[in-house]
């Protein structure tokens, strides 16, 4: 991929992954604390792995932009700046970093790098979400951890395993079909 320009193929891949993130965001389970368990944190690292760091991060930025301007792409078909700056805003705003780290880790073509990158990305996502939650709700970090991070850790581990299992398979299948270029 040319470092300064995006090809038509790149734009299509970005659009597809933006749509996948928006669709999987709708698979959500609300919690009483205002933060839903969603499949976004499955779709976003998957975008980074399959589409690559740059395209995955751009797809995520577009997803956030669409939601911020009010298009109902966030969990529960919601959108608007109130969601971006609400209790789950820290999670949402850290999504591009999650995609970027997943893509960079995948580019090393080493399973240890990939696993490490996905866990580091998840930790960054949790930290940003937890800190933001703490600020928005005027709660201490312990309370923020208990309400906005701890309940989500088991499902996040399952999502990371699924991303590891499916991400490379999907990427390899698409590269075999020449739908993805084999260089970033």
C-alpha atoms as a PDB file:
ATOM      1  CA  UNK A   1       0.000   0.000   0.000  1.00  0.00           C
ATOM      2  CA  UNK A   2       1.330   3.405  -0.955  1.00  0.00           C
ATOM      3  CA  UNK A   3       2.243   5.290   2.212  1.00  0.00           C
ATOM      4  CA  UNK A   4       0.727   8.591   1.095  1.00  0.00           C
ATOM      5  CA  UNK A   5      -2.352   7.536  -0.862  1.00  0.00           C
ATOM      6  CA  UNK A   6      -5.110   5.029  -0.402  1.00  0.00           C
ATOM      7  CA  UNK A   7      -6.101   2.949  -3.404  1.00  0.00           C
ATOM      8  CA  UNK A   8      -9.675   2.162  -4.373  1.00  0.00           C
ATOM      9  CA  UNK A   9      -9.119  -1.319  -2.927  1.00  0.00           C
ATOM     10  CA  UNK A  10      -7.924   0.227   0.353  1.00  0.00           C
ATOM     11  CA  UNK A  11     -11.015   2.443   0.517  1.00  0.00           C
ATOM     12  CA  UNK A  12     -13.270  -0.559  -0.083  1.00  0.00           C
ATOM     13  CA  UNK A  13     -11.536  -2.585   2.642  1.00  0.00           C
ATOM     14  CA  UNK A  14     -11.834   0.358   5.035  1.00  0.00           C
ATOM     15  CA  UNK A  15     -15.539   0.761   4.222  1.00  0.00           C
ATOM     16  CA  UNK A  16     -16.195  -2.949   4.696  1.00  0.00           C
ATOM     17  CA  UNK A  17     -14.503  -2.999   8.086  1.00  0.00           C
ATOM     18  CA  UNK A  18     -16.278   0.191   9.175  1.00  0.00           C
ATOM     19  CA  UNK A  19     -19.557  -1.572   8.358  1.00  0.00           C
ATOM     20  CA  UNK A  20     -18.470  -4.770  10.142  1.00  0.00           C
ATOM     21  CA  UNK A  21     -17.594  -2.809  13.295  1.00  0.00           C
ATOM     22  CA  UNK A  22     -20.952  -0.998  13.174  1.00  0.00           C
ATOM     23  CA  UNK A  23     -22.842  -4.260  12.648  1.00  0.00           C
ATOM     24  CA  UNK A  24     -21.054  -6.142  15.419  1.00  0.00           C
ATOM     25  CA  UNK A  25     -21.550  -3.193  17.796  1.00  0.00           C
ATOM     26  CA  UNK A  26     -25.244  -4.082  17.729  1.00  0.00           C
ATOM     27  CA  UNK A  27     -24.525  -7.437  19.347  1.00  0.00           C
ATOM     28  CA  UNK A  28     -24.574  -6.059  22.853  1.00  0.00           C
ATOM     29  CA  UNK A  29     -25.691  -6.839  26.355  1.00  0.00           C
ATOM     30  CA  UNK A  30     -26.555  -3.766  28.441  1.00  0.00           C
ATOM     31  CA  UNK A  31     -25.296  -3.601  32.015  1.00  0.00           C
ATOM     32  CA  UNK A  32     -26.767  -1.612  34.895  1.00  0.00           C
ATOM     33  CA  UNK A  33     -23.642   0.574  34.964  1.00  0.00           C
ATOM     34  CA  UNK A  34     -24.217   2.204  31.560  1.00  0.00           C
ATOM     35  CA  UNK A  35     -21.554   0.315  29.611  1.00  0.00           C
ATOM     36  CA  UNK A  36     -22.688  -2.500  27.347  1.00  0.00           C
ATOM     37  CA  UNK A  37     -20.809  -5.691  26.568  1.00  0.00           C
ATOM     38  CA  UNK A  38     -20.436  -5.519  22.802  1.00  0.00           C
ATOM     39  CA  UNK A  39     -18.692  -7.281  19.962  1.00  0.00           C
ATOM     40  CA  UNK A  40     -16.888  -4.047  19.016  1.00  0.00           C
ATOM     41  CA  UNK A  41     -13.804  -5.219  20.869  1.00  0.00           C
ATOM     42  CA  UNK A  42     -13.876  -8.330  18.682  1.00  0.00           C
ATOM     43  CA  UNK A  43     -14.419  -6.457  15.400  1.00  0.00           C
ATOM     44  CA  UNK A  44     -11.796  -3.768  15.981  1.00  0.00           C
ATOM     45  CA  UNK A  45      -8.692  -5.939  16.505  1.00  0.00           C
ATOM     46  CA  UNK A  46     -10.015  -8.197  13.745  1.00  0.00           C
ATOM     47  CA  UNK A  47      -9.989  -5.148  11.452  1.00  0.00           C
ATOM     48  CA  UNK A  48      -6.403  -4.426  12.458  1.00  0.00           C
ATOM     49  CA  UNK A  49      -5.304  -8.005  11.797  1.00  0.00           C
ATOM     50  CA  UNK A  50      -7.161  -8.594   8.534  1.00  0.00           C
ATOM     51  CA  UNK A  51      -7.067  -5.129   6.966  1.00  0.00           C
ATOM     52  CA  UNK A  52      -3.719  -4.110   8.432  1.00  0.00           C
ATOM     53  CA  UNK A  53      -2.779  -1.527  11.032  1.00  0.00           C
ATOM     54  CA  UNK A  54      -3.356   1.572   8.892  1.00  0.00           C
ATOM     55  CA  UNK A  55      -6.595   0.486   7.216  1.00  0.00           C
ATOM     56  CA  UNK A  56      -7.962  -0.997  10.452  1.00  0.00           C
ATOM     57  CA  UNK A  57      -7.244   2.200  12.390  1.00  0.00           C
ATOM     58  CA  UNK A  58      -8.795   4.341   9.634  1.00  0.00           C
ATOM     59  CA  UNK A  59     -11.914   2.134   9.574  1.00  0.00           C
ATOM     60  CA  UNK A  60     -12.205   2.596  13.332  1.00  0.00           C
ATOM     61  CA  UNK A  61     -11.731   6.366  13.103  1.00  0.00           C
ATOM     62  CA  UNK A  62     -14.472   6.555  10.473  1.00  0.00           C
ATOM     63  CA  UNK A  63     -16.740   4.426  12.667  1.00  0.00           C
ATOM     64  CA  UNK A  64     -16.194   6.826  15.590  1.00  0.00           C
ATOM     65  CA  UNK A  65     -16.740   9.860  13.349  1.00  0.00           C
ATOM     66  CA  UNK A  66     -20.002   8.406  11.987  1.00  0.00           C
ATOM     67  CA  UNK A  67     -21.228   7.743  15.511  1.00  0.00           C
ATOM     68  CA  UNK A  68     -20.108  11.149  16.743  1.00  0.00           C
ATOM     69  CA  UNK A  69     -22.110  12.988  14.077  1.00  0.00           C
ATOM     70  CA  UNK A  70     -25.215  11.086  15.121  1.00  0.00           C
ATOM     71  CA  UNK A  71     -25.397   8.123  12.783  1.00  0.00           C
ATOM     72  CA  UNK A  72     -26.637   5.245  14.971  1.00  0.00           C
ATOM     73  CA  UNK A  73     -23.616   2.932  14.663  1.00  0.00           C
ATOM     74  CA  UNK A  74     -22.804   2.568  18.349  1.00  0.00           C
ATOM     75  CA  UNK A  75     -24.262  -0.195  20.535  1.00  0.00           C
ATOM     76  CA  UNK A  76     -28.053  -0.201  20.660  1.00  0.00           C
ATOM     77  CA  UNK A  77     -28.233   1.794  17.410  1.00  0.00           C
ATOM     78  CA  UNK A  78     -27.149   4.953  19.184  1.00  0.00           C
ATOM     79  CA  UNK A  79     -24.967   7.810  18.044  1.00  0.00           C
ATOM     80  CA  UNK A  80     -24.014  11.355  18.896  1.00  0.00           C
ATOM     81  CA  UNK A  81     -21.447  13.235  20.906  1.00  0.00           C
ATOM     82  CA  UNK A  82     -23.268  12.287  24.112  1.00  0.00           C
ATOM     83  CA  UNK A  83     -22.176   8.685  23.591  1.00  0.00           C
ATOM     84  CA  UNK A  84     -18.608   9.627  22.691  1.00  0.00           C
ATOM     85  CA  UNK A  85     -18.318  11.817  25.791  1.00  0.00           C
ATOM     86  CA  UNK A  86     -20.503   9.592  27.986  1.00  0.00           C
ATOM     87  CA  UNK A  87     -19.525   6.773  30.338  1.00  0.00           C
ATOM     88  CA  UNK A  88     -18.198   4.527  27.568  1.00  0.00           C
ATOM     89  CA  UNK A  89     -16.347   7.299  25.729  1.00  0.00           C
ATOM     90  CA  UNK A  90     -12.885   6.255  26.869  1.00  0.00           C
ATOM     91  CA  UNK A  91     -13.400   2.810  25.381  1.00  0.00           C
ATOM     92  CA  UNK A  92     -14.670   4.266  22.105  1.00  0.00           C
ATOM     93  CA  UNK A  93     -11.902   6.846  21.771  1.00  0.00           C
ATOM     94  CA  UNK A  94      -9.208   4.195  22.313  1.00  0.00           C
ATOM     95  CA  UNK A  95     -10.576   1.898  19.566  1.00  0.00           C
ATOM     96  CA  UNK A  96      -8.191   3.200  16.850  1.00  0.00           C
ATOM     97  CA  UNK A  97      -5.229   2.385  19.107  1.00  0.00           C
ATOM     98  CA  UNK A  98      -6.624  -1.120  19.611  1.00  0.00           C
ATOM     99  CA  UNK A  99      -6.863  -1.663  15.827  1.00  0.00           C
ATOM    100  CA  UNK A 100      -3.425  -0.157  15.230  1.00  0.00           C
ATOM    101  CA  UNK A 101      -1.720  -2.329  17.856  1.00  0.00           C
ATOM    102  CA  UNK A 102      -3.457  -5.476  16.563  1.00  0.00           C
ATOM    103  CA  UNK A 103      -2.343  -4.693  13.006  1.00  0.00           C
ATOM    104  CA  UNK A 104       1.234  -3.960  14.033  1.00  0.00           C
ATOM    105  CA  UNK A 105       1.401  -7.127  16.134  1.00  0.00           C
ATOM    106  CA  UNK A 106       0.045  -9.207  13.231  1.00  0.00           C
ATOM    107  CA  UNK A 107       2.594  -7.710  10.841  1.00  0.00           C
ATOM    108  CA  UNK A 108       5.389  -9.279  12.914  1.00  0.00           C
ATOM    109  CA  UNK A 109       4.042 -12.661  11.720  1.00  0.00           C
ATOM    110  CA  UNK A 110       4.720 -14.192  15.118  1.00  0.00           C
ATOM    111  CA  UNK A 111       2.051 -15.654  17.384  1.00  0.00           C
ATOM    112  CA  UNK A 112       3.747 -14.372  20.559  1.00  0.00           C
ATOM    113  CA  UNK A 113       3.714 -10.828  19.117  1.00  0.00           C
ATOM    114  CA  UNK A 114       0.071 -11.225  18.135  1.00  0.00           C
ATOM    115  CA  UNK A 115      -1.074 -12.516  21.527  1.00  0.00           C
ATOM    116  CA  UNK A 116       0.978  -9.868  23.330  1.00  0.00           C
ATOM    117  CA  UNK A 117      -0.302  -7.107  21.061  1.00  0.00           C
ATOM    118  CA  UNK A 118      -3.931  -8.101  21.549  1.00  0.00           C
ATOM    119  CA  UNK A 119      -3.559  -8.198  25.325  1.00  0.00           C
ATOM    120  CA  UNK A 120      -1.699  -4.869  25.363  1.00  0.00           C
ATOM    121  CA  UNK A 121      -4.416  -3.350  23.165  1.00  0.00           C
ATOM    122  CA  UNK A 122      -7.115  -4.687  25.501  1.00  0.00           C
ATOM    123  CA  UNK A 123      -5.314  -3.308  28.556  1.00  0.00           C
ATOM    124  CA  UNK A 124      -5.010   0.127  26.920  1.00  0.00           C
ATOM    125  CA  UNK A 125      -8.697  -0.024  25.983  1.00  0.00           C
ATOM    126  CA  UNK A 126      -9.652  -0.948  29.555  1.00  0.00           C
ATOM    127  CA  UNK A 127      -7.407   1.736  31.080  1.00  0.00           C
ATOM    128  CA  UNK A 128      -8.776   4.474  28.819  1.00  0.00           C
ATOM    129  CA  UNK A 129     -12.336   3.315  29.434  1.00  0.00           C
ATOM    130  CA  UNK A 130     -11.845   3.024  33.165  1.00  0.00           C
ATOM    131  CA  UNK A 131     -10.180   6.434  33.545  1.00  0.00           C
ATOM    132  CA  UNK A 132     -12.826   8.108  31.380  1.00  0.00           C
ATOM    133  CA  UNK A 133     -15.607   6.373  33.351  1.00  0.00           C
ATOM    134  CA  UNK A 134     -14.004   7.603  36.585  1.00  0.00           C
ATOM    135  CA  UNK A 135     -13.929  11.202  35.341  1.00  0.00           C
ATOM    136  CA  UNK A 136     -17.467  11.190  33.917  1.00  0.00           C
ATOM    137  CA  UNK A 137     -19.016   9.552  36.971  1.00  0.00           C
ATOM    138  CA  UNK A 138     -16.780  11.315  39.550  1.00  0.00           C
ATOM    139  CA  UNK A 139     -15.850   7.925  40.981  1.00  0.00           C
ATOM    140  CA  UNK A 140     -12.497   6.689  42.198  1.00  0.00           C
ATOM    141  CA  UNK A 141     -10.398   4.355  40.040  1.00  0.00           C
ATOM    142  CA  UNK A 142     -11.219   1.325  42.171  1.00  0.00           C
ATOM    143  CA  UNK A 143     -14.945   1.843  41.651  1.00  0.00           C
ATOM    144  CA  UNK A 144     -14.377   2.543  37.963  1.00  0.00           C
ATOM    145  CA  UNK A 145     -12.406  -0.697  37.647  1.00  0.00           C
ATOM    146  CA  UNK A 146     -15.110  -2.689  39.438  1.00  0.00           C
ATOM    147  CA  UNK A 147     -17.901  -1.280  37.264  1.00  0.00           C
ATOM    148  CA  UNK A 148     -16.326  -0.626  33.868  1.00  0.00           C
ATOM    149  CA  UNK A 149     -13.517  -3.164  33.513  1.00  0.00           C
ATOM    150  CA  UNK A 150     -13.745  -6.177  35.797  1.00  0.00           C
ATOM    151  CA  UNK A 151     -17.099  -7.511  34.509  1.00  0.00           C
ATOM    152  CA  UNK A 152     -15.781  -7.413  30.936  1.00  0.00           C
ATOM    153  CA  UNK A 153     -12.448  -9.199  31.404  1.00  0.00           C
ATOM    154  CA  UNK A 154     -13.728 -12.794  30.953  1.00  0.00           C
ATOM    155  CA  UNK A 155     -15.548 -12.004  27.710  1.00  0.00           C
ATOM    156  CA  UNK A 156     -12.576  -9.969  26.477  1.00  0.00           C
ATOM    157  CA  UNK A 157     -10.316 -12.995  26.908  1.00  0.00           C
ATOM    158  CA  UNK A 158     -12.758 -15.085  24.869  1.00  0.00           C
ATOM    159  CA  UNK A 159     -12.839 -12.404  22.147  1.00  0.00           C
ATOM    160  CA  UNK A 160      -9.036 -12.274  22.029  1.00  0.00           C
ATOM    161  CA  UNK A 161      -8.887 -16.047  21.557  1.00  0.00           C
ATOM    162  CA  UNK A 162     -11.492 -15.824  18.778  1.00  0.00           C
ATOM    163  CA  UNK A 163      -9.606 -12.986  17.083  1.00  0.00           C
ATOM    164  CA  UNK A 164      -6.385 -15.021  17.196  1.00  0.00           C
ATOM    165  CA  UNK A 165      -8.091 -18.106  15.765  1.00  0.00           C
ATOM    166  CA  UNK A 166     -10.153 -16.331  13.102  1.00  0.00           C
ATOM    167  CA  UNK A 167      -8.064 -13.263  12.239  1.00  0.00           C
ATOM    168  CA  UNK A 168      -5.183 -14.967  10.482  1.00  0.00           C
ATOM    169  CA  UNK A 169      -7.481 -17.491   8.809  1.00  0.00           C
ATOM    170  CA  UNK A 170      -9.619 -14.737   7.332  1.00  0.00           C
ATOM    171  CA  UNK A 171      -6.576 -12.699   6.304  1.00  0.00           C
ATOM    172  CA  UNK A 172      -4.904 -15.696   4.667  1.00  0.00           C
ATOM    173  CA  UNK A 173      -8.099 -16.659   2.839  1.00  0.00           C
ATOM    174  CA  UNK A 174      -8.546 -13.115   1.521  1.00  0.00           C
ATOM    175  CA  UNK A 175      -4.912 -12.911   0.464  1.00  0.00           C
ATOM    176  CA  UNK A 176      -5.230 -16.250  -1.299  1.00  0.00           C
ATOM    177  CA  UNK A 177      -8.219 -14.886  -3.185  1.00  0.00           C
ATOM    178  CA  UNK A 178      -6.190 -11.715  -3.883  1.00  0.00           C
ATOM    179  CA  UNK A 179      -8.731  -9.544  -2.149  1.00  0.00           C
ATOM    180  CA  UNK A 180      -6.038  -8.119   0.123  1.00  0.00           C
ATOM    181  CA  UNK A 181      -2.579  -7.037  -0.863  1.00  0.00           C
ATOM    182  CA  UNK A 182       0.129  -8.869   1.019  1.00  0.00           C
ATOM    183  CA  UNK A 183       1.951  -5.731   2.092  1.00  0.00           C
ATOM    184  CA  UNK A 184       0.872  -2.862   4.275  1.00  0.00           C
END
